[in-house]
Amino acid sequence: MTPFDQFPLDAEISLSEVRSEQTLTERLHAFHRLRVRRRSDVVGILLDRDAWDELVTYVHRLEAEADRREDDAVRRIITERLPHAEFEPGSLERAVDIFTEADRAFERLRTEGRQ
């Protein structure tokens, strides 16, 4: 896969050329990613739909790999400090479950205290 920050030499379009739908469409079809220039300054990047989908997939894979590595590091720390402990990766759903259980337990204690 070509690095996302690498563009073929012709994969550029000026701001004035962006106004031409035909020029924009042809260049996006040919290169999928275009550097947008104003004079000598790059002011932005245009992506076609396929390039955008590829970028989104790439970022999701990076995030998943970062999460996996973080979980592995935490698992190692826990194993070193508490050899018999069990590691359970966190998630929003699990956090909601924990807080819901805690709220119910607190409410039971509060209700029992009134009696």
PDB file of N, CA and C in Angstrom:
ATOM      1  N   MET A   1       0.845  -1.180   0.000  1.00  0.00           N
ATOM      2  CA  MET A   1       0.000   0.000   0.000  1.00  0.00           C
ATOM      3  C   MET A   1       0.891   1.244   0.000  1.00  0.00           C
ATOM      4  N   THR A   2       0.548   2.223  -0.813  1.00  0.00           N
ATOM      5  CA  THR A   2       1.289   3.476  -0.880  1.00  0.00           C
ATOM      6  C   THR A   2       1.039   4.280   0.388  1.00  0.00           C
ATOM      7  N   PRO A   3       2.093   4.836   0.982  1.00  0.00           N
ATOM      8  CA  PRO A   3       1.866   5.680   2.164  1.00  0.00           C
ATOM      9  C   PRO A   3       0.910   6.830   1.834  1.00  0.00           C
ATOM     10  N   PHE A   4       0.073   7.197   2.796  1.00  0.00           N
ATOM     11  CA  PHE A   4      -0.951   8.200   2.552  1.00  0.00           C
ATOM     12  C   PHE A   4      -0.378   9.590   2.301  1.00  0.00           C
ATOM     13  N   ASP A   5       0.852   9.833   2.744  1.00  0.00           N
ATOM     14  CA  ASP A   5       1.424  11.157   2.526  1.00  0.00           C
ATOM     15  C   ASP A   5       2.241  11.245   1.242  1.00  0.00           C
ATOM     16  N   GLN A   6       2.230  10.201   0.421  1.00  0.00           N
ATOM     17  CA  GLN A   6       2.951  10.199  -0.852  1.00  0.00           C
ATOM     18  C   GLN A   6       1.972  10.397  -1.994  1.00  0.00           C
ATOM     19  N   PHE A   7       2.259  11.347  -2.862  1.00  0.00           N
ATOM     20  CA  PHE A   7       1.402  11.658  -3.992  1.00  0.00           C
ATOM     21  C   PHE A   7       2.239  11.621  -5.267  1.00  0.00           C
ATOM     22  N   PRO A   8       1.690  11.090  -6.354  1.00  0.00           N
ATOM     23  CA  PRO A   8       2.387  11.210  -7.632  1.00  0.00           C
ATOM     24  C   PRO A   8       2.583  12.691  -7.970  1.00  0.00           C
ATOM     25  N   LEU A   9       3.590  12.995  -8.757  1.00  0.00           N
ATOM     26  CA  LEU A   9       3.895  14.395  -9.063  1.00  0.00           C
ATOM     27  C   LEU A   9       2.730  15.137  -9.687  1.00  0.00           C
ATOM     28  N   ASP A  10       1.924  14.453 -10.491  1.00  0.00           N
ATOM     29  CA  ASP A  10       0.804  15.118 -11.164  1.00  0.00           C
ATOM     30  C   ASP A  10      -0.462  15.163 -10.323  1.00  0.00           C
ATOM     31  N   ALA A  11      -0.438  14.621  -9.144  1.00  0.00           N
ATOM     32  CA  ALA A  11      -1.645  14.538  -8.315  1.00  0.00           C
ATOM     33  C   ALA A  11      -1.851  15.833  -7.541  1.00  0.00           C
ATOM     34  N   GLU A  12      -1.950  16.916  -8.277  1.00  0.00           N
ATOM     35  CA  GLU A  12      -2.194  18.220  -7.683  1.00  0.00           C
ATOM     36  C   GLU A  12      -3.280  18.926  -8.477  1.00  0.00           C
ATOM     37  N   ILE A  13      -3.894  19.856  -7.818  1.00  0.00           N
ATOM     38  CA  ILE A  13      -4.900  20.683  -8.476  1.00  0.00           C
ATOM     39  C   ILE A  13      -4.855  22.048  -7.807  1.00  0.00           C
ATOM     40  N   SER A  14      -4.980  23.096  -8.598  1.00  0.00           N
ATOM     41  CA  SER A  14      -4.986  24.438  -8.016  1.00  0.00           C
ATOM     42  C   SER A  14      -6.401  24.769  -7.556  1.00  0.00           C
ATOM     43  N   LEU A  15      -6.495  25.744  -6.675  1.00  0.00           N
ATOM     44  CA  LEU A  15      -7.822  26.155  -6.208  1.00  0.00           C
ATOM     45  C   LEU A  15      -8.692  26.612  -7.368  1.00  0.00           C
ATOM     46  N   SER A  16      -8.108  27.296  -8.327  1.00  0.00           N
ATOM     47  CA  SER A  16      -8.912  27.746  -9.469  1.00  0.00           C
ATOM     48  C   SER A  16      -9.370  26.562 -10.313  1.00  0.00           C
ATOM     49  N   GLU A  17      -8.565  25.498 -10.413  1.00  0.00           N
ATOM     50  CA  GLU A  17      -8.969  24.314 -11.183  1.00  0.00           C
ATOM     51  C   GLU A  17     -10.070  23.515 -10.487  1.00  0.00           C
ATOM     52  N   VAL A  18     -10.168  23.633  -9.174  1.00  0.00           N
ATOM     53  CA  VAL A  18     -11.209  22.915  -8.427  1.00  0.00           C
ATOM     54  C   VAL A  18     -12.590  23.355  -8.903  1.00  0.00           C
ATOM     55  N   ARG A  19     -12.687  24.568  -9.406  1.00  0.00           N
ATOM     56  CA  ARG A  19     -13.980  25.081  -9.880  1.00  0.00           C
ATOM     57  C   ARG A  19     -14.485  24.328 -11.113  1.00  0.00           C
ATOM     58  N   SER A  20     -13.569  23.698 -11.836  1.00  0.00           N
ATOM     59  CA  SER A  20     -13.958  22.940 -13.024  1.00  0.00           C
ATOM     60  C   SER A  20     -14.288  21.513 -12.613  1.00  0.00           C
ATOM     61  N   GLU A  21     -15.567  21.180 -12.659  1.00  0.00           N
ATOM     62  CA  GLU A  21     -16.003  19.850 -12.255  1.00  0.00           C
ATOM     63  C   GLU A  21     -15.327  18.770 -13.098  1.00  0.00           C
ATOM     64  N   GLN A  22     -15.166  19.033 -14.383  1.00  0.00           N
ATOM     65  CA  GLN A  22     -14.551  18.039 -15.269  1.00  0.00           C
ATOM     66  C   GLN A  22     -13.086  17.808 -14.884  1.00  0.00           C
ATOM     67  N   THR A  23     -12.332  18.879 -14.651  1.00  0.00           N
ATOM     68  CA  THR A  23     -10.919  18.744 -14.276  1.00  0.00           C
ATOM     69  C   THR A  23     -10.790  18.016 -12.953  1.00  0.00           C
ATOM     70  N   LEU A  24     -11.597  18.412 -11.982  1.00  0.00           N
ATOM     71  CA  LEU A  24     -11.566  17.776 -10.661  1.00  0.00           C
ATOM     72  C   LEU A  24     -11.894  16.294 -10.764  1.00  0.00           C
ATOM     73  N   THR A  25     -12.954  15.961 -11.476  1.00  0.00           N
ATOM     74  CA  THR A  25     -13.379  14.567 -11.615  1.00  0.00           C
ATOM     75  C   THR A  25     -12.313  13.731 -12.315  1.00  0.00           C
ATOM     76  N   GLU A  26     -11.739  14.265 -13.392  1.00  0.00           N
ATOM     77  CA  GLU A  26     -10.709  13.527 -14.125  1.00  0.00           C
ATOM     78  C   GLU A  26      -9.486  13.247 -13.254  1.00  0.00           C
ATOM     79  N   ARG A  27      -9.046  14.254 -12.515  1.00  0.00           N
ATOM     80  CA  ARG A  27      -7.849  14.066 -11.686  1.00  0.00           C
ATOM     81  C   ARG A  27      -8.113  13.123 -10.515  1.00  0.00           C
ATOM     82  N   LEU A  28      -9.281  13.257  -9.891  1.00  0.00           N
ATOM     83  CA  LEU A  28      -9.607  12.328  -8.800  1.00  0.00           C
ATOM     84  C   LEU A  28      -9.708  10.897  -9.322  1.00  0.00           C
ATOM     85  N   HIS A  29     -10.286  10.742 -10.497  1.00  0.00           N
ATOM     86  CA  HIS A  29     -10.395   9.406 -11.095  1.00  0.00           C
ATOM     87  C   HIS A  29      -9.007   8.827 -11.385  1.00  0.00           C
ATOM     88  N   ALA A  30      -8.097   9.685 -11.836  1.00  0.00           N
ATOM     89  CA  ALA A  30      -6.747   9.221 -12.186  1.00  0.00           C
ATOM     90  C   ALA A  30      -5.881   8.962 -10.957  1.00  0.00           C
ATOM     91  N   PHE A  31      -5.978   9.823  -9.918  1.00  0.00           N
ATOM     92  CA  PHE A  31      -5.027   9.754  -8.805  1.00  0.00           C
ATOM     93  C   PHE A  31      -5.655   9.399  -7.456  1.00  0.00           C
ATOM     94  N   HIS A  32      -6.956   9.548  -7.289  1.00  0.00           N
ATOM     95  CA  HIS A  32      -7.710   9.210  -6.068  1.00  0.00           C
ATOM     96  C   HIS A  32      -7.452  10.159  -4.893  1.00  0.00           C
ATOM     97  N   ARG A  33      -6.299  10.815  -4.894  1.00  0.00           N
ATOM     98  CA  ARG A  33      -5.962  11.805  -3.851  1.00  0.00           C
ATOM     99  C   ARG A  33      -5.254  12.963  -4.538  1.00  0.00           C
ATOM    100  N   LEU A  34      -5.655  14.176  -4.187  1.00  0.00           N
ATOM    101  CA  LEU A  34      -5.053  15.350  -4.807  1.00  0.00           C
ATOM    102  C   LEU A  34      -4.623  16.352  -3.751  1.00  0.00           C
ATOM    103  N   ARG A  35      -3.432  16.881  -3.920  1.00  0.00           N
ATOM    104  CA  ARG A  35      -3.020  18.031  -3.112  1.00  0.00           C
ATOM    105  C   ARG A  35      -3.646  19.257  -3.748  1.00  0.00           C
ATOM    106  N   VAL A  36      -4.274  20.095  -2.952  1.00  0.00           N
ATOM    107  CA  VAL A  36      -4.873  21.335  -3.437  1.00  0.00           C
ATOM    108  C   VAL A  36      -3.905  22.463  -3.111  1.00  0.00           C
ATOM    109  N   ARG A  37      -3.511  23.187  -4.147  1.00  0.00           N
ATOM    110  CA  ARG A  37      -2.525  24.262  -3.974  1.00  0.00           C
ATOM    111  C   ARG A  37      -3.121  25.631  -4.281  1.00  0.00           C
ATOM    112  N   ARG A  38      -2.662  26.594  -3.510  1.00  0.00           N
ATOM    113  CA  ARG A  38      -2.873  28.008  -3.810  1.00  0.00           C
ATOM    114  C   ARG A  38      -1.483  28.578  -3.962  1.00  0.00           C
ATOM    115  N   ARG A  39      -1.152  28.923  -5.180  1.00  0.00           N
ATOM    116  CA  ARG A  39       0.208  29.320  -5.548  1.00  0.00           C
ATOM    117  C   ARG A  39       1.163  28.192  -5.182  1.00  0.00           C
ATOM    118  N   SER A  40       2.086  28.401  -4.259  1.00  0.00           N
ATOM    119  CA  SER A  40       3.036  27.327  -3.919  1.00  0.00           C
ATOM    120  C   SER A  40       2.688  26.629  -2.604  1.00  0.00           C
ATOM    121  N   ASP A  41       1.584  27.019  -1.981  1.00  0.00           N
ATOM    122  CA  ASP A  41       1.200  26.446  -0.684  1.00  0.00           C
ATOM    123  C   ASP A  41       0.148  25.351  -0.848  1.00  0.00           C
ATOM    124  N   VAL A  42       0.360  24.222  -0.183  1.00  0.00           N
ATOM    125  CA  VAL A  42      -0.679  23.190  -0.127  1.00  0.00           C
ATOM    126  C   VAL A  42      -1.699  23.648   0.909  1.00  0.00           C
ATOM    127  N   VAL A  43      -2.965  23.764   0.474  1.00  0.00           N
ATOM    128  CA  VAL A  43      -4.015  24.240   1.385  1.00  0.00           C
ATOM    129  C   VAL A  43      -4.965  23.133   1.806  1.00  0.00           C
ATOM    130  N   GLY A  44      -4.849  21.972   1.163  1.00  0.00           N
ATOM    131  CA  GLY A  44      -5.727  20.879   1.547  1.00  0.00           C
ATOM    132  C   GLY A  44      -5.484  19.648   0.697  1.00  0.00           C
ATOM    133  N   ILE A  45      -6.253  18.627   1.007  1.00  0.00           N
ATOM    134  CA  ILE A  45      -6.177  17.349   0.292  1.00  0.00           C
ATOM    135  C   ILE A  45      -7.601  16.950  -0.070  1.00  0.00           C
ATOM    136  N   LEU A  46      -7.804  16.490  -1.282  1.00  0.00           N
ATOM    137  CA  LEU A  46      -9.086  15.945  -1.705  1.00  0.00           C
ATOM    138  C   LEU A  46      -8.926  14.447  -1.911  1.00  0.00           C
ATOM    139  N   LEU A  47      -9.888  13.688  -1.429  1.00  0.00           N
ATOM    140  CA  LEU A  47      -9.879  12.232  -1.592  1.00  0.00           C
ATOM    141  C   LEU A  47     -11.136  11.798  -2.315  1.00  0.00           C
ATOM    142  N   ASP A  48     -11.005  10.798  -3.182  1.00  0.00           N
ATOM    143  CA  ASP A  48     -12.216  10.210  -3.732  1.00  0.00           C
ATOM    144  C   ASP A  48     -12.770   9.222  -2.708  1.00  0.00           C
ATOM    145  N   ARG A  49     -13.936   8.684  -2.980  1.00  0.00           N
ATOM    146  CA  ARG A  49     -14.613   7.818  -2.010  1.00  0.00           C
ATOM    147  C   ARG A  49     -13.783   6.589  -1.648  1.00  0.00           C
ATOM    148  N   ASP A  50     -13.161   5.952  -2.652  1.00  0.00           N
ATOM    149  CA  ASP A  50     -12.357   4.751  -2.378  1.00  0.00           C
ATOM    150  C   ASP A  50     -11.147   5.069  -1.502  1.00  0.00           C
ATOM    151  N   ALA A  51     -10.481   6.191  -1.775  1.00  0.00           N
ATOM    152  CA  ALA A  51      -9.322   6.588  -0.962  1.00  0.00           C
ATOM    153  C   ALA A  51      -9.755   6.896   0.464  1.00  0.00           C
ATOM    154  N   TRP A  52     -10.935   7.540   0.606  1.00  0.00           N
ATOM    155  CA  TRP A  52     -11.459   7.819   1.943  1.00  0.00           C
ATOM    156  C   TRP A  52     -11.744   6.524   2.696  1.00  0.00           C
ATOM    157  N   ASP A  53     -12.407   5.581   2.042  1.00  0.00           N
ATOM    158  CA  ASP A  53     -12.711   4.292   2.678  1.00  0.00           C
ATOM    159  C   ASP A  53     -11.433   3.570   3.071  1.00  0.00           C
ATOM    160  N   GLU A  54     -10.410   3.623   2.210  1.00  0.00           N
ATOM    161  CA  GLU A  54      -9.125   2.998   2.512  1.00  0.00           C
ATOM    162  C   GLU A  54      -8.485   3.644   3.741  1.00  0.00           C
ATOM    163  N   LEU A  55      -8.561   4.974   3.820  1.00  0.00           N
ATOM    164  CA  LEU A  55      -8.000   5.687   4.970  1.00  0.00           C
ATOM    165  C   LEU A  55      -8.739   5.340   6.259  1.00  0.00           C
ATOM    166  N   VAL A  56     -10.061   5.281   6.198  1.00  0.00           N
ATOM    167  CA  VAL A  56     -10.865   4.935   7.379  1.00  0.00           C
ATOM    168  C   VAL A  56     -10.521   3.523   7.852  1.00  0.00           C
ATOM    169  N   THR A  57     -10.414   2.578   6.925  1.00  0.00           N
ATOM    170  CA  THR A  57     -10.063   1.197   7.266  1.00  0.00           C
ATOM    171  C   THR A  57      -8.682   1.144   7.906  1.00  0.00           C
ATOM    172  N   TYR A  58      -7.746   1.871   7.343  1.00  0.00           N
ATOM    173  CA  TYR A  58      -6.381   1.922   7.861  1.00  0.00           C
ATOM    174  C   TYR A  58      -6.360   2.464   9.295  1.00  0.00           C
ATOM    175  N   VAL A  59      -7.086   3.537   9.532  1.00  0.00           N
ATOM    176  CA  VAL A  59      -7.126   4.135  10.876  1.00  0.00           C
ATOM    177  C   VAL A  59      -7.778   3.163  11.867  1.00  0.00           C
ATOM    178  N   HIS A  60      -8.853   2.487  11.456  1.00  0.00           N
ATOM    179  CA  HIS A  60      -9.494   1.505  12.349  1.00  0.00           C
ATOM    180  C   HIS A  60      -8.522   0.381  12.703  1.00  0.00           C
ATOM    181  N   ARG A  61      -7.750  -0.081  11.728  1.00  0.00           N
ATOM    182  CA  ARG A  61      -6.766  -1.138  12.010  1.00  0.00           C
ATOM    183  C   ARG A  61      -5.693  -0.633  12.975  1.00  0.00           C
ATOM    184  N   LEU A  62      -5.236   0.590  12.791  1.00  0.00           N
ATOM    185  CA  LEU A  62      -4.246   1.164  13.711  1.00  0.00           C
ATOM    186  C   LEU A  62      -4.806   1.285  15.126  1.00  0.00           C
ATOM    187  N   GLU A  63      -6.044   1.746  15.235  1.00  0.00           N
ATOM    188  CA  GLU A  63      -6.665   1.875  16.556  1.00  0.00           C
ATOM    189  C   GLU A  63      -6.823   0.515  17.225  1.00  0.00           C
ATOM    190  N   ALA A  64      -7.222  -0.490  16.459  1.00  0.00           N
ATOM    191  CA  ALA A  64      -7.374  -1.841  17.013  1.00  0.00           C
ATOM    192  C   ALA A  64      -6.025  -2.382  17.470  1.00  0.00           C
ATOM    193  N   GLU A  65      -4.982  -2.149  16.692  1.00  0.00           N
ATOM    194  CA  GLU A  65      -3.639  -2.596  17.069  1.00  0.00           C
ATOM    195  C   GLU A  65      -3.155  -1.874  18.324  1.00  0.00           C
ATOM    196  N   ALA A  66      -3.418  -0.574  18.418  1.00  0.00           N
ATOM    197  CA  ALA A  66      -3.041   0.179  19.617  1.00  0.00           C
ATOM    198  C   ALA A  66      -3.780  -0.358  20.842  1.00  0.00           C
ATOM    199  N   ASP A  67      -5.078  -0.643  20.700  1.00  0.00           N
ATOM    200  CA  ASP A  67      -5.859  -1.209  21.805  1.00  0.00           C
ATOM    201  C   ASP A  67      -5.302  -2.571  22.220  1.00  0.00           C
ATOM    202  N   ARG A  68      -4.970  -3.410  21.232  1.00  0.00           N
ATOM    203  CA  ARG A  68      -4.436  -4.742  21.530  1.00  0.00           C
ATOM    204  C   ARG A  68      -3.116  -4.625  22.280  1.00  0.00           C
ATOM    205  N   ARG A  69      -2.243  -3.741  21.829  1.00  0.00           N
ATOM    206  CA  ARG A  69      -0.948  -3.572  22.500  1.00  0.00           C
ATOM    207  C   ARG A  69      -1.117  -3.024  23.909  1.00  0.00           C
ATOM    208  N   GLU A  70      -2.066  -2.104  24.073  1.00  0.00           N
ATOM    209  CA  GLU A  70      -2.325  -1.560  25.409  1.00  0.00           C
ATOM    210  C   GLU A  70      -2.851  -2.654  26.335  1.00  0.00           C
ATOM    211  N   ASP A  71      -3.779  -3.462  25.845  1.00  0.00           N
ATOM    212  CA  ASP A  71      -4.306  -4.572  26.649  1.00  0.00           C
ATOM    213  C   ASP A  71      -3.195  -5.555  27.014  1.00  0.00           C
ATOM    214  N   ASP A  72      -2.310  -5.849  26.057  1.00  0.00           N
ATOM    215  CA  ASP A  72      -1.191  -6.752  26.339  1.00  0.00           C
ATOM    216  C   ASP A  72      -0.280  -6.188  27.425  1.00  0.00           C
ATOM    217  N   ALA A  73      -0.004  -4.883  27.356  1.00  0.00           N
ATOM    218  CA  ALA A  73       0.861  -4.249  28.356  1.00  0.00           C
ATOM    219  C   ALA A  73       0.201  -4.295  29.737  1.00  0.00           C
ATOM    220  N   VAL A  74      -1.093  -3.996  29.788  1.00  0.00           N
ATOM    221  CA  VAL A  74      -1.813  -4.036  31.071  1.00  0.00           C
ATOM    222  C   VAL A  74      -1.846  -5.463  31.610  1.00  0.00           C
ATOM    223  N   ARG A  75      -2.089  -6.414  30.719  1.00  0.00           N
ATOM    224  CA  ARG A  75      -2.127  -7.830  31.118  1.00  0.00           C
ATOM    225  C   ARG A  75      -0.780  -8.235  31.746  1.00  0.00           C
ATOM    226  N   ARG A  76       0.336  -7.813  31.143  1.00  0.00           N
ATOM    227  CA  ARG A  76       1.667  -8.137  31.686  1.00  0.00           C
ATOM    228  C   ARG A  76       1.872  -7.513  33.065  1.00  0.00           C
ATOM    229  N   ILE A  77       1.459  -6.264  33.213  1.00  0.00           N
ATOM    230  CA  ILE A  77       1.615  -5.583  34.512  1.00  0.00           C
ATOM    231  C   ILE A  77       0.796  -6.298  35.577  1.00  0.00           C
ATOM    232  N   ILE A  78      -0.443  -6.622  35.252  1.00  0.00           N
ATOM    233  CA  ILE A  78      -1.308  -7.309  36.223  1.00  0.00           C
ATOM    234  C   ILE A  78      -0.725  -8.663  36.581  1.00  0.00           C
ATOM    235  N   THR A  79      -0.260  -9.403  35.591  1.00  0.00           N
ATOM    236  CA  THR A  79       0.311 -10.734  35.843  1.00  0.00           C
ATOM    237  C   THR A  79       1.542 -10.641  36.734  1.00  0.00           C
ATOM    238  N   GLU A  80       2.364  -9.622  36.533  1.00  0.00           N
ATOM    239  CA  GLU A  80       3.553  -9.453  37.368  1.00  0.00           C
ATOM    240  C   GLU A  80       3.172  -9.125  38.812  1.00  0.00           C
ATOM    241  N   ARG A  81       2.181  -8.281  38.992  1.00  0.00           N
ATOM    242  CA  ARG A  81       1.822  -7.823  40.333  1.00  0.00           C
ATOM    243  C   ARG A  81       0.866  -8.771  41.045  1.00  0.00           C
ATOM    244  N   LEU A  82      -0.054  -9.363  40.294  1.00  0.00           N
ATOM    245  CA  LEU A  82      -1.055 -10.256  40.874  1.00  0.00           C
ATOM    246  C   LEU A  82      -1.169 -11.493  39.982  1.00  0.00           C
ATOM    247  N   PRO A  83      -0.286 -12.477  40.183  1.00  0.00           N
ATOM    248  CA  PRO A  83      -0.221 -13.626  39.270  1.00  0.00           C
ATOM    249  C   PRO A  83      -1.539 -14.381  39.094  1.00  0.00           C
ATOM    250  N   HIS A  84      -2.415 -14.354  40.076  1.00  0.00           N
ATOM    251  CA  HIS A  84      -3.653 -15.127  39.983  1.00  0.00           C
ATOM    252  C   HIS A  84      -4.849 -14.271  39.545  1.00  0.00           C
ATOM    253  N   ALA A  85      -4.604 -12.989  39.290  1.00  0.00           N
ATOM    254  CA  ALA A  85      -5.699 -12.106  38.869  1.00  0.00           C
ATOM    255  C   ALA A  85      -6.070 -12.393  37.416  1.00  0.00           C
ATOM    256  N   GLU A  86      -7.296 -12.055  37.100  1.00  0.00           N
ATOM    257  CA  GLU A  86      -7.785 -12.266  35.746  1.00  0.00           C
ATOM    258  C   GLU A  86      -7.987 -10.908  35.084  1.00  0.00           C
ATOM    259  N   PHE A  87      -7.455 -10.745  33.903  1.00  0.00           N
ATOM    260  CA  PHE A  87      -7.583  -9.487  33.168  1.00  0.00           C
ATOM    261  C   PHE A  87      -8.830  -9.523  32.302  1.00  0.00           C
ATOM    262  N   GLU A  88      -9.637  -8.472  32.395  1.00  0.00           N
ATOM    263  CA  GLU A  88     -10.817  -8.354  31.550  1.00  0.00           C
ATOM    264  C   GLU A  88     -10.738  -7.003  30.854  1.00  0.00           C
ATOM    265  N   PRO A  89     -10.577  -7.012  29.510  1.00  0.00           N
ATOM    266  CA  PRO A  89     -10.483  -5.736  28.800  1.00  0.00           C
ATOM    267  C   PRO A  89     -11.723  -4.886  29.050  1.00  0.00           C
ATOM    268  N   GLY A  90     -11.521  -3.605  29.165  1.00  0.00           N
ATOM    269  CA  GLY A  90     -12.634  -2.699  29.417  1.00  0.00           C
ATOM    270  C   GLY A  90     -13.435  -2.416  28.165  1.00  0.00           C
ATOM    271  N   SER A  91     -14.675  -2.048  28.380  1.00  0.00           N
ATOM    272  CA  SER A  91     -15.542  -1.624  27.289  1.00  0.00           C
ATOM    273  C   SER A  91     -16.615  -0.731  27.885  1.00  0.00           C
ATOM    274  N   LEU A  92     -17.251   0.035  27.056  1.00  0.00           N
ATOM    275  CA  LEU A  92     -18.317   0.906  27.522  1.00  0.00           C
ATOM    276  C   LEU A  92     -19.457   0.083  28.127  1.00  0.00           C
ATOM    277  N   GLU A  93     -19.780  -1.028  27.472  1.00  0.00           N
ATOM    278  CA  GLU A  93     -20.872  -1.873  27.974  1.00  0.00           C
ATOM    279  C   GLU A  93     -20.548  -2.411  29.364  1.00  0.00           C
ATOM    280  N   ARG A  94     -19.300  -2.859  29.553  1.00  0.00           N
ATOM    281  CA  ARG A  94     -18.905  -3.405  30.861  1.00  0.00           C
ATOM    282  C   ARG A  94     -18.921  -2.315  31.921  1.00  0.00           C
ATOM    283  N   ALA A  95     -18.482  -1.112  31.571  1.00  0.00           N
ATOM    284  CA  ALA A  95     -18.506   0.002  32.525  1.00  0.00           C
ATOM    285  C   ALA A  95     -19.944   0.324  32.937  1.00  0.00           C
ATOM    286  N   VAL A  96     -20.853   0.317  31.978  1.00  0.00           N
ATOM    287  CA  VAL A  96     -22.271   0.564  32.288  1.00  0.00           C
ATOM    288  C   VAL A  96     -22.793  -0.511  33.231  1.00  0.00           C
ATOM    289  N   ASP A  97     -22.448  -1.777  32.961  1.00  0.00           N
ATOM    290  CA  ASP A  97     -22.873  -2.877  33.830  1.00  0.00           C
ATOM    291  C   ASP A  97     -22.362  -2.676  35.255  1.00  0.00           C
ATOM    292  N   ILE A  98     -21.095  -2.310  35.386  1.00  0.00           N
ATOM    293  CA  ILE A  98     -20.490  -2.115  36.715  1.00  0.00           C
ATOM    294  C   ILE A  98     -21.196  -0.984  37.461  1.00  0.00           C
ATOM    295  N   PHE A  99     -21.404   0.156  36.773  1.00  0.00           N
ATOM    296  CA  PHE A  99     -22.060   1.285  37.430  1.00  0.00           C
ATOM    297  C   PHE A  99     -23.511   0.970  37.769  1.00  0.00           C
ATOM    298  N   THR A 100     -24.183   0.219  36.918  1.00  0.00           N
ATOM    299  CA  THR A 100     -25.567  -0.171  37.193  1.00  0.00           C
ATOM    300  C   THR A 100     -25.622  -1.067  38.423  1.00  0.00           C
ATOM    301  N   GLU A 101     -24.717  -2.051  38.503  1.00  0.00           N
ATOM    302  CA  GLU A 101     -24.652  -2.929  39.676  1.00  0.00           C
ATOM    303  C   GLU A 101     -24.339  -2.126  40.936  1.00  0.00           C
ATOM    304  N   ALA A 102     -23.420  -1.186  40.834  1.00  0.00           N
ATOM    305  CA  ALA A 102     -23.060  -0.362  41.991  1.00  0.00           C
ATOM    306  C   ALA A 102     -24.239   0.501  42.432  1.00  0.00           C
ATOM    307  N   ASP A 103     -24.960   1.079  41.475  1.00  0.00           N
ATOM    308  CA  ASP A 103     -26.136   1.893  41.805  1.00  0.00           C
ATOM    309  C   ASP A 103     -27.194   1.061  42.522  1.00  0.00           C
ATOM    310  N   ARG A 104     -27.425  -0.163  42.045  1.00  0.00           N
ATOM    311  CA  ARG A 104     -28.415  -1.042  42.683  1.00  0.00           C
ATOM    312  C   ARG A 104     -27.977  -1.405  44.106  1.00  0.00           C
ATOM    313  N   ALA A 105     -26.708  -1.724  44.270  1.00  0.00           N
ATOM    314  CA  ALA A 105     -26.189  -2.069  45.602  1.00  0.00           C
ATOM    315  C   ALA A 105     -26.309  -0.871  46.537  1.00  0.00           C
ATOM    316  N   PHE A 106     -25.985   0.323  46.050  1.00  0.00           N
ATOM    317  CA  PHE A 106     -26.093   1.518  46.872  1.00  0.00           C
ATOM    318  C   PHE A 106     -27.548   1.764  47.265  1.00  0.00           C
ATOM    319  N   GLU A 107     -28.445   1.603  46.309  1.00  0.00           N
ATOM    320  CA  GLU A 107     -29.870   1.812  46.583  1.00  0.00           C
ATOM    321  C   GLU A 107     -30.369   0.806  47.620  1.00  0.00           C
ATOM    322  N   ARG A 108     -29.918  -0.461  47.540  1.00  0.00           N
ATOM    323  CA  ARG A 108     -30.304  -1.472  48.543  1.00  0.00           C
ATOM    324  C   ARG A 108     -29.794  -1.066  49.926  1.00  0.00           C
ATOM    325  N   LEU A 109     -28.568  -0.630  50.005  1.00  0.00           N
ATOM    326  CA  LEU A 109     -27.994  -0.203  51.295  1.00  0.00           C
ATOM    327  C   LEU A 109     -28.756   0.991  51.857  1.00  0.00           C
ATOM    328  N   ARG A 110     -29.089   1.929  50.985  1.00  0.00           N
ATOM    329  CA  ARG A 110     -29.808   3.117  51.404  1.00  0.00           C
ATOM    330  C   ARG A 110     -31.198   2.759  51.897  1.00  0.00           C
ATOM    331  N   THR A 111     -31.882   1.842  51.188  1.00  0.00           N
ATOM    332  CA  THR A 111     -33.220   1.410  51.567  1.00  0.00           C
ATOM    333  C   THR A 111     -33.183   0.636  52.881  1.00  0.00           C
ATOM    334  N   GLU A 112     -32.197  -0.242  53.034  1.00  0.00           N
ATOM    335  CA  GLU A 112     -32.068  -1.026  54.272  1.00  0.00           C
ATOM    336  C   GLU A 112     -31.763  -0.113  55.451  1.00  0.00           C
ATOM    337  N   GLY A 113     -31.046   0.950  55.223  1.00  0.00           N
ATOM    338  CA  GLY A 113     -30.700   1.896  56.285  1.00  0.00           C
ATOM    339  C   GLY A 113     -31.898   2.656  56.811  1.00  0.00           C
ATOM    340  N   ARG A 114     -32.920   2.815  56.010  1.00  0.00           N
ATOM    341  CA  ARG A 114     -34.143   3.541  56.426  1.00  0.00           C
ATOM    342  C   ARG A 114     -35.034   2.674  57.298  1.00  0.00           C
ATOM    343  N   GLN A 115     -34.887   1.375  57.180  1.00  0.00           N
ATOM    344  CA  GLN A 115     -35.805   0.488  57.907  1.00  0.00           C
ATOM    345  C   GLN A 115     -35.389   0.276  59.320  1.00  0.00           C
TER     346      GLN A 115
END
